[in-house]
Amino acid sequence: QVEDQAVNLPPNLNELVQNATYVQSPDNLVWQY
């Protein structure tokens, strides 16, 4: 892409991404970060 996608979201994001859910990791992993 011409623009840096680290800071610019694509205008058709809803078409590209169907599932953006994340499973919560165990506490012993989460609380390290």
ModelCIF file with pLDDT and N, C-alpha, C, O atoms, coordinates in Angstrom:
data_MODEL
#
_entry.id   MODEL 
#
_entity.id                         1 
_entity.type                       polymer 
_entity.pdbx_number_of_molecules   1 
#
_entity_poly.entity_id                      1 
_entity_poly.type                           'polypeptide(L)' 
_entity_poly.nstd_linkage                   no 
_entity_poly.nstd_monomer                   no 
_entity_poly.pdbx_seq_one_letter_code       QVEDQAVNLPPNLNELVQNATYVQSPDNLVWQY 
_entity_poly.pdbx_seq_one_letter_code_can   QVEDQAVNLPPNLNELVQNATYVQSPDNLVWQY 
_entity_poly.pdbx_strand_id                 A 
#
loop_
_entity_poly_seq.entity_id 
_entity_poly_seq.num 
_entity_poly_seq.mon_id 
_entity_poly_seq.hetero 
1 1  GLN n 
1 2  VAL n 
1 3  GLU n 
1 4  ASP n 
1 5  GLN n 
1 6  ALA n 
1 7  VAL n 
1 8  ASN n 
1 9  LEU n 
1 10 PRO n 
1 11 PRO n 
1 12 ASN n 
1 13 LEU n 
1 14 ASN n 
1 15 GLU n 
1 16 LEU n 
1 17 VAL n 
1 18 GLN n 
1 19 ASN n 
1 20 ALA n 
1 21 THR n 
1 22 TYR n 
1 23 VAL n 
1 24 GLN n 
1 25 SER n 
1 26 PRO n 
1 27 ASP n 
1 28 ASN n 
1 29 LEU n 
1 30 VAL n 
1 31 TRP n 
1 32 GLN n 
1 33 TYR n 
#
_struct_asym.id          A 
_struct_asym.entity_id   1 
#
loop_
_ma_qa_metric.id 
_ma_qa_metric.mode 
_ma_qa_metric.name 
_ma_qa_metric.software_group_id 
_ma_qa_metric.type 
1 global pLDDT . pLDDT 
2 local  pLDDT . pLDDT 
#
_ma_qa_metric_global.metric_id      1 
_ma_qa_metric_global.metric_value   84.27 
_ma_qa_metric_global.model_id       1 
_ma_qa_metric_global.ordinal_id     1 
#
loop_
_ma_qa_metric_local.label_asym_id 
_ma_qa_metric_local.label_comp_id 
_ma_qa_metric_local.label_seq_id 
_ma_qa_metric_local.metric_id 
_ma_qa_metric_local.metric_value 
_ma_qa_metric_local.model_id 
_ma_qa_metric_local.ordinal_id 
A GLN 1  2 82.00 1 1  
A VAL 2  2 79.00 1 2  
A GLU 3  2 75.00 1 3  
A ASP 4  2 72.00 1 4  
A GLN 5  2 65.00 1 5  
A ALA 6  2 66.00 1 6  
A VAL 7  2 70.00 1 7  
A ASN 8  2 76.00 1 8  
A LEU 9  2 78.00 1 9  
A PRO 10 2 80.00 1 10 
A PRO 11 2 83.00 1 11 
A ASN 12 2 86.00 1 12 
A LEU 13 2 84.00 1 13 
A ASN 14 2 87.00 1 14 
A GLU 15 2 89.00 1 15 
A LEU 16 2 88.00 1 16 
A VAL 17 2 88.00 1 17 
A GLN 18 2 87.00 1 18 
A ASN 19 2 86.00 1 19 
A ALA 20 2 82.00 1 20 
A THR 21 2 87.00 1 21 
A TYR 22 2 86.00 1 22 
A VAL 23 2 90.00 1 23 
A GLN 24 2 90.00 1 24 
A SER 25 2 92.00 1 25 
A PRO 26 2 91.00 1 26 
A ASP 27 2 89.00 1 27 
A ASN 28 2 87.00 1 28 
A LEU 29 2 92.00 1 29 
A VAL 30 2 93.00 1 30 
A TRP 31 2 93.00 1 31 
A GLN 32 2 94.00 1 32 
A TYR 33 2 94.00 1 33 
#
loop_
_atom_site.group_PDB 
_atom_site.id 
_atom_site.type_symbol 
_atom_site.label_atom_id 
_atom_site.label_alt_id 
_atom_site.label_comp_id 
_atom_site.label_asym_id 
_atom_site.label_entity_id 
_atom_site.label_seq_id 
_atom_site.pdbx_PDB_ins_code 
_atom_site.Cartn_x 
_atom_site.Cartn_y 
_atom_site.Cartn_z 
_atom_site.occupancy 
_atom_site.B_iso_or_equiv 
_atom_site.pdbx_formal_charge 
_atom_site.auth_seq_id 
_atom_site.auth_comp_id 
_atom_site.auth_asym_id 
_atom_site.auth_atom_id 
_atom_site.pdbx_PDB_model_num 
ATOM 1   N N  . GLN A 1 1  ? 0.830   -1.198  0.000  1.00 82.00 ? 1  GLN A N  1 
ATOM 2   C CA . GLN A 1 1  ? 0.000   0.000   0.000  1.00 82.00 ? 1  GLN A CA 1 
ATOM 3   C C  . GLN A 1 1  ? 0.874   1.262   0.000  1.00 82.00 ? 1  GLN A C  1 
ATOM 4   O O  . GLN A 1 1  ? 2.003   1.261   0.489  1.00 82.00 ? 1  GLN A O  1 
ATOM 5   N N  . VAL A 1 2  ? 0.314   2.327   -0.561 1.00 79.00 ? 2  VAL A N  1 
ATOM 6   C CA . VAL A 1 2  ? 1.040   3.591   -0.612 1.00 79.00 ? 2  VAL A CA 1 
ATOM 7   C C  . VAL A 1 2  ? 1.207   4.162   0.795  1.00 79.00 ? 2  VAL A C  1 
ATOM 8   O O  . VAL A 1 2  ? 2.273   4.665   1.150  1.00 79.00 ? 2  VAL A O  1 
ATOM 9   N N  . GLU A 1 3  ? 0.123   4.077   1.601  1.00 75.00 ? 3  GLU A N  1 
ATOM 10  C CA . GLU A 1 3  ? 0.173   4.589   2.964  1.00 75.00 ? 3  GLU A CA 1 
ATOM 11  C C  . GLU A 1 3  ? 0.631   3.510   3.926  1.00 75.00 ? 3  GLU A C  1 
ATOM 12  O O  . GLU A 1 3  ? 0.408   2.320   3.699  1.00 75.00 ? 3  GLU A O  1 
ATOM 13  N N  . ASP A 1 4  ? 1.270   3.934   4.996  1.00 72.00 ? 4  ASP A N  1 
ATOM 14  C CA . ASP A 1 4  ? 1.736   3.014   6.028  1.00 72.00 ? 4  ASP A CA 1 
ATOM 15  C C  . ASP A 1 4  ? 0.533   2.457   6.777  1.00 72.00 ? 4  ASP A C  1 
ATOM 16  O O  . ASP A 1 4  ? -0.183  3.200   7.449  1.00 72.00 ? 4  ASP A O  1 
ATOM 17  N N  . GLN A 1 5  ? 0.308   1.149   6.664  1.00 65.00 ? 5  GLN A N  1 
ATOM 18  C CA . GLN A 1 5  ? -0.866  0.554   7.282  1.00 65.00 ? 5  GLN A CA 1 
ATOM 19  C C  . GLN A 1 5  ? -0.719  0.365   8.789  1.00 65.00 ? 5  GLN A C  1 
ATOM 20  O O  . GLN A 1 5  ? -1.656  -0.089  9.447  1.00 65.00 ? 5  GLN A O  1 
ATOM 21  N N  . ALA A 1 6  ? 0.442   0.706   9.342  1.00 66.00 ? 6  ALA A N  1 
ATOM 22  C CA . ALA A 1 6  ? 0.585   0.675   10.801 1.00 66.00 ? 6  ALA A CA 1 
ATOM 23  C C  . ALA A 1 6  ? -0.229  1.792   11.443 1.00 66.00 ? 6  ALA A C  1 
ATOM 24  O O  . ALA A 1 6  ? -0.601  1.698   12.613 1.00 66.00 ? 6  ALA A O  1 
ATOM 25  N N  . VAL A 1 7  ? -0.503  2.842   10.685 1.00 70.00 ? 7  VAL A N  1 
ATOM 26  C CA . VAL A 1 7  ? -1.232  3.982   11.246 1.00 70.00 ? 7  VAL A CA 1 
ATOM 27  C C  . VAL A 1 7  ? -2.484  4.333   10.440 1.00 70.00 ? 7  VAL A C  1 
ATOM 28  O O  . VAL A 1 7  ? -3.229  5.229   10.839 1.00 70.00 ? 7  VAL A O  1 
ATOM 29  N N  . ASN A 1 8  ? -2.733  3.662   9.332  1.00 76.00 ? 8  ASN A N  1 
ATOM 30  C CA . ASN A 1 8  ? -3.905  3.950   8.502  1.00 76.00 ? 8  ASN A CA 1 
ATOM 31  C C  . ASN A 1 8  ? -4.712  2.677   8.290  1.00 76.00 ? 8  ASN A C  1 
ATOM 32  O O  . ASN A 1 8  ? -4.207  1.704   7.730  1.00 76.00 ? 8  ASN A O  1 
ATOM 33  N N  . LEU A 1 9  ? -5.964  2.682   8.737  1.00 78.00 ? 9  LEU A N  1 
ATOM 34  C CA . LEU A 1 9  ? -6.832  1.536   8.527  1.00 78.00 ? 9  LEU A CA 1 
ATOM 35  C C  . LEU A 1 9  ? -7.416  1.586   7.128  1.00 78.00 ? 9  LEU A C  1 
ATOM 36  O O  . LEU A 1 9  ? -7.712  2.672   6.629  1.00 78.00 ? 9  LEU A O  1 
ATOM 37  N N  . PRO A 1 10 ? -7.590  0.437   6.479  1.00 80.00 ? 10 PRO A N  1 
ATOM 38  C CA . PRO A 1 10 ? -8.179  0.441   5.131  1.00 80.00 ? 10 PRO A CA 1 
ATOM 39  C C  . PRO A 1 10 ? -9.632  0.889   5.174  1.00 80.00 ? 10 PRO A C  1 
ATOM 40  O O  . PRO A 1 10 ? -10.340 0.583   6.134  1.00 80.00 ? 10 PRO A O  1 
ATOM 41  N N  . PRO A 1 11 ? -10.095 1.615   4.147  1.00 83.00 ? 11 PRO A N  1 
ATOM 42  C CA . PRO A 1 11 ? -11.476 2.123   4.151  1.00 83.00 ? 11 PRO A CA 1 
ATOM 43  C C  . PRO A 1 11 ? -12.516 1.014   4.092  1.00 83.00 ? 11 PRO A C  1 
ATOM 44  O O  . PRO A 1 11 ? -13.654 1.212   4.519  1.00 83.00 ? 11 PRO A O  1 
ATOM 45  N N  . ASN A 1 12 ? -12.139 -0.164  3.562  1.00 86.00 ? 12 ASN A N  1 
ATOM 46  C CA . ASN A 1 12 ? -13.080 -1.284  3.468  1.00 86.00 ? 12 ASN A CA 1 
ATOM 47  C C  . ASN A 1 12 ? -12.801 -2.328  4.541  1.00 86.00 ? 12 ASN A C  1 
ATOM 48  O O  . ASN A 1 12 ? -12.904 -3.529  4.289  1.00 86.00 ? 12 ASN A O  1 
ATOM 49  N N  . LEU A 1 13 ? -12.450 -1.871  5.734  1.00 84.00 ? 13 LEU A N  1 
ATOM 50  C CA . LEU A 1 13 ? -12.073 -2.786  6.822  1.00 84.00 ? 13 LEU A CA 1 
ATOM 51  C C  . LEU A 1 13 ? -13.178 -3.798  7.123  1.00 84.00 ? 13 LEU A C  1 
ATOM 52  O O  . LEU A 1 13 ? -12.888 -4.968  7.372  1.00 84.00 ? 13 LEU A O  1 
ATOM 53  N N  . ASN A 1 14 ? -14.435 -3.365  7.104  1.00 87.00 ? 14 ASN A N  1 
ATOM 54  C CA . ASN A 1 14 ? -15.546 -4.270  7.419  1.00 87.00 ? 14 ASN A CA 1 
ATOM 55  C C  . ASN A 1 14 ? -15.660 -5.409  6.411  1.00 87.00 ? 14 ASN A C  1 
ATOM 56  O O  . ASN A 1 14 ? -16.116 -6.498  6.759  1.00 87.00 ? 14 ASN A O  1 
ATOM 57  N N  . GLU A 1 15 ? -15.251 -5.168  5.169  1.00 89.00 ? 15 GLU A N  1 
ATOM 58  C CA . GLU A 1 15 ? -15.278 -6.235  4.159  1.00 89.00 ? 15 GLU A CA 1 
ATOM 59  C C  . GLU A 1 15 ? -14.125 -7.208  4.357  1.00 89.00 ? 15 GLU A C  1 
ATOM 60  O O  . GLU A 1 15 ? -14.257 -8.398  4.072  1.00 89.00 ? 15 GLU A O  1 
ATOM 61  N N  . LEU A 1 16 ? -12.992 -6.703  4.845  1.00 88.00 ? 16 LEU A N  1 
ATOM 62  C CA . LEU A 1 16 ? -11.797 -7.534  4.960  1.00 88.00 ? 16 LEU A CA 1 
ATOM 63  C C  . LEU A 1 16 ? -11.817 -8.414  6.200  1.00 88.00 ? 16 LEU A C  1 
ATOM 64  O O  . LEU A 1 16 ? -11.351 -9.553  6.159  1.00 88.00 ? 16 LEU A O  1 
ATOM 65  N N  . VAL A 1 17 ? -12.348 -7.901  7.298  1.00 88.00 ? 17 VAL A N  1 
ATOM 66  C CA . VAL A 1 17 ? -12.299 -8.608  8.579  1.00 88.00 ? 17 VAL A CA 1 
ATOM 67  C C  . VAL A 1 17 ? -13.690 -9.104  8.949  1.00 88.00 ? 17 VAL A C  1 
ATOM 68  O O  . VAL A 1 17 ? -14.623 -8.317  9.110  1.00 88.00 ? 17 VAL A O  1 
ATOM 69  N N  . GLN A 1 18 ? -13.813 -10.428 9.082  1.00 87.00 ? 18 GLN A N  1 
ATOM 70  C CA . GLN A 1 18 ? -15.097 -11.011 9.464  1.00 87.00 ? 18 GLN A CA 1 
ATOM 71  C C  . GLN A 1 18 ? -15.167 -11.361 10.954 1.00 87.00 ? 18 GLN A C  1 
ATOM 72  O O  . GLN A 1 18 ? -16.250 -11.384 11.539 1.00 87.00 ? 18 GLN A O  1 
ATOM 73  N N  . ASN A 1 19 ? -14.022 -11.630 11.557 1.00 86.00 ? 19 ASN A N  1 
ATOM 74  C CA . ASN A 1 19 ? -14.018 -12.056 12.960 1.00 86.00 ? 19 ASN A CA 1 
ATOM 75  C C  . ASN A 1 19 ? -12.764 -11.518 13.641 1.00 86.00 ? 19 ASN A C  1 
ATOM 76  O O  . ASN A 1 19 ? -11.654 -11.970 13.363 1.00 86.00 ? 19 ASN A O  1 
ATOM 77  N N  . ALA A 1 20 ? -12.950 -10.558 14.527 1.00 82.00 ? 20 ALA A N  1 
ATOM 78  C CA . ALA A 1 20 ? -11.807 -9.950  15.211 1.00 82.00 ? 20 ALA A CA 1 
ATOM 79  C C  . ALA A 1 20 ? -11.838 -10.216 16.712 1.00 82.00 ? 20 ALA A C  1 
ATOM 80  O O  . ALA A 1 20 ? -11.287 -9.441  17.494 1.00 82.00 ? 20 ALA A O  1 
ATOM 81  N N  . THR A 1 21 ? -12.484 -11.315 17.115 1.00 87.00 ? 21 THR A N  1 
ATOM 82  C CA . THR A 1 21 ? -12.559 -11.634 18.536 1.00 87.00 ? 21 THR A CA 1 
ATOM 83  C C  . THR A 1 21 ? -11.279 -12.331 18.982 1.00 87.00 ? 21 THR A C  1 
ATOM 84  O O  . THR A 1 21 ? -10.618 -13.003 18.190 1.00 87.00 ? 21 THR A O  1 
ATOM 85  N N  . TYR A 1 22 ? -10.939 -12.164 20.245 1.00 86.00 ? 22 TYR A N  1 
ATOM 86  C CA . TYR A 1 22 ? -9.745  -12.779 20.821 1.00 86.00 ? 22 TYR A CA 1 
ATOM 87  C C  . TYR A 1 22 ? -10.142 -13.549 22.073 1.00 86.00 ? 22 TYR A C  1 
ATOM 88  O O  . TYR A 1 22 ? -10.966 -13.090 22.863 1.00 86.00 ? 22 TYR A O  1 
ATOM 89  N N  . VAL A 1 23 ? -9.557  -14.699 22.239 1.00 90.00 ? 23 VAL A N  1 
ATOM 90  C CA . VAL A 1 23 ? -9.792  -15.498 23.445 1.00 90.00 ? 23 VAL A CA 1 
ATOM 91  C C  . VAL A 1 23 ? -8.886  -14.978 24.550 1.00 90.00 ? 23 VAL A C  1 
ATOM 92  O O  . VAL A 1 23 ? -7.688  -14.794 24.337 1.00 90.00 ? 23 VAL A O  1 
ATOM 93  N N  . GLN A 1 24 ? -9.455  -14.740 25.742 1.00 90.00 ? 24 GLN A N  1 
ATOM 94  C CA . GLN A 1 24 ? -8.667  -14.241 26.862 1.00 90.00 ? 24 GLN A CA 1 
ATOM 95  C C  . GLN A 1 24 ? -7.665  -15.298 27.308 1.00 90.00 ? 24 GLN A C  1 
ATOM 96  O O  . GLN A 1 24 ? -8.035  -16.442 27.573 1.00 90.00 ? 24 GLN A O  1 
ATOM 97  N N  . SER A 1 25 ? -6.399  -14.910 27.389 1.00 92.00 ? 25 SER A N  1 
ATOM 98  C CA . SER A 1 25 ? -5.345  -15.823 27.815 1.00 92.00 ? 25 SER A CA 1 
ATOM 99  C C  . SER A 1 25 ? -5.397  -16.027 29.333 1.00 92.00 ? 25 SER A C  1 
ATOM 100 O O  . SER A 1 25 ? -6.031  -15.242 30.038 1.00 92.00 ? 25 SER A O  1 
ATOM 101 N N  . PRO A 1 26 ? -4.738  -17.072 29.841 1.00 91.00 ? 26 PRO A N  1 
ATOM 102 C CA . PRO A 1 26 ? -4.730  -17.322 31.286 1.00 91.00 ? 26 PRO A CA 1 
ATOM 103 C C  . PRO A 1 26 ? -4.081  -16.166 32.049 1.00 91.00 ? 26 PRO A C  1 
ATOM 104 O O  . PRO A 1 26 ? -3.219  -15.464 31.521 1.00 91.00 ? 26 PRO A O  1 
ATOM 105 N N  . ASP A 1 27 ? -4.509  -15.982 33.297 1.00 89.00 ? 27 ASP A N  1 
ATOM 106 C CA . ASP A 1 27 ? -4.020  -14.863 34.111 1.00 89.00 ? 27 ASP A CA 1 
ATOM 107 C C  . ASP A 1 27 ? -2.499  -14.847 34.234 1.00 89.00 ? 27 ASP A C  1 
ATOM 108 O O  . ASP A 1 27 ? -1.887  -13.780 34.201 1.00 89.00 ? 27 ASP A O  1 
ATOM 109 N N  . ASN A 1 28 ? -1.892  -16.011 34.374 1.00 87.00 ? 28 ASN A N  1 
ATOM 110 C CA . ASN A 1 28 ? -0.439  -16.037 34.573 1.00 87.00 ? 28 ASN A CA 1 
ATOM 111 C C  . ASN A 1 28 ? 0.313   -15.522 33.346 1.00 87.00 ? 28 ASN A C  1 
ATOM 112 O O  . ASN A 1 28 ? 1.466   -15.106 33.456 1.00 87.00 ? 28 ASN A O  1 
ATOM 113 N N  . LEU A 1 29 ? -0.339  -15.549 32.171 1.00 92.00 ? 29 LEU A N  1 
ATOM 114 C CA . LEU A 1 29 ? 0.248   -14.954 30.972 1.00 92.00 ? 29 LEU A CA 1 
ATOM 115 C C  . LEU A 1 29 ? -0.137  -13.484 30.846 1.00 92.00 ? 29 LEU A C  1 
ATOM 116 O O  . LEU A 1 29 ? 0.710   -12.633 30.574 1.00 92.00 ? 29 LEU A O  1 
ATOM 117 N N  . VAL A 1 30 ? -1.423  -13.192 31.046 1.00 93.00 ? 30 VAL A N  1 
ATOM 118 C CA . VAL A 1 30 ? -1.926  -11.826 30.851 1.00 93.00 ? 30 VAL A CA 1 
ATOM 119 C C  . VAL A 1 30 ? -1.209  -10.832 31.745 1.00 93.00 ? 30 VAL A C  1 
ATOM 120 O O  . VAL A 1 30 ? -0.801  -9.766  31.284 1.00 93.00 ? 30 VAL A O  1 
ATOM 121 N N  . TRP A 1 31 ? -1.049  -11.167 33.021 1.00 93.00 ? 31 TRP A N  1 
ATOM 122 C CA . TRP A 1 31 ? -0.558  -10.185 33.985 1.00 93.00 ? 31 TRP A CA 1 
ATOM 123 C C  . TRP A 1 31 ? 0.951   -9.994  33.930 1.00 93.00 ? 31 TRP A C  1 
ATOM 124 O O  . TRP A 1 31 ? 1.493   -9.177  34.674 1.00 93.00 ? 31 TRP A O  1 
ATOM 125 N N  . GLN A 1 32 ? 1.636   -10.730 33.065 1.00 94.00 ? 32 GLN A N  1 
ATOM 126 C CA . GLN A 1 32 ? 3.037   -10.411 32.784 1.00 94.00 ? 32 GLN A CA 1 
ATOM 127 C C  . GLN A 1 32 ? 3.150   -9.167  31.906 1.00 94.00 ? 32 GLN A C  1 
ATOM 128 O O  . GLN A 1 32 ? 4.173   -8.483  31.902 1.00 94.00 ? 32 GLN A O  1 
ATOM 129 N N  . TYR A 1 33 ? 2.069   -8.885  31.158 1.00 94.00 ? 33 TYR A N  1 
ATOM 130 C CA . TYR A 1 33 ? 2.112   -7.836  30.147 1.00 94.00 ? 33 TYR A CA 1 
ATOM 131 C C  . TYR A 1 33 ? 1.034   -6.765  30.327 1.00 94.00 ? 33 TYR A C  1 
ATOM 132 O O  . TYR A 1 33 ? 0.962   -5.822  29.538 1.00 94.00 ? 33 TYR A O  1 
#
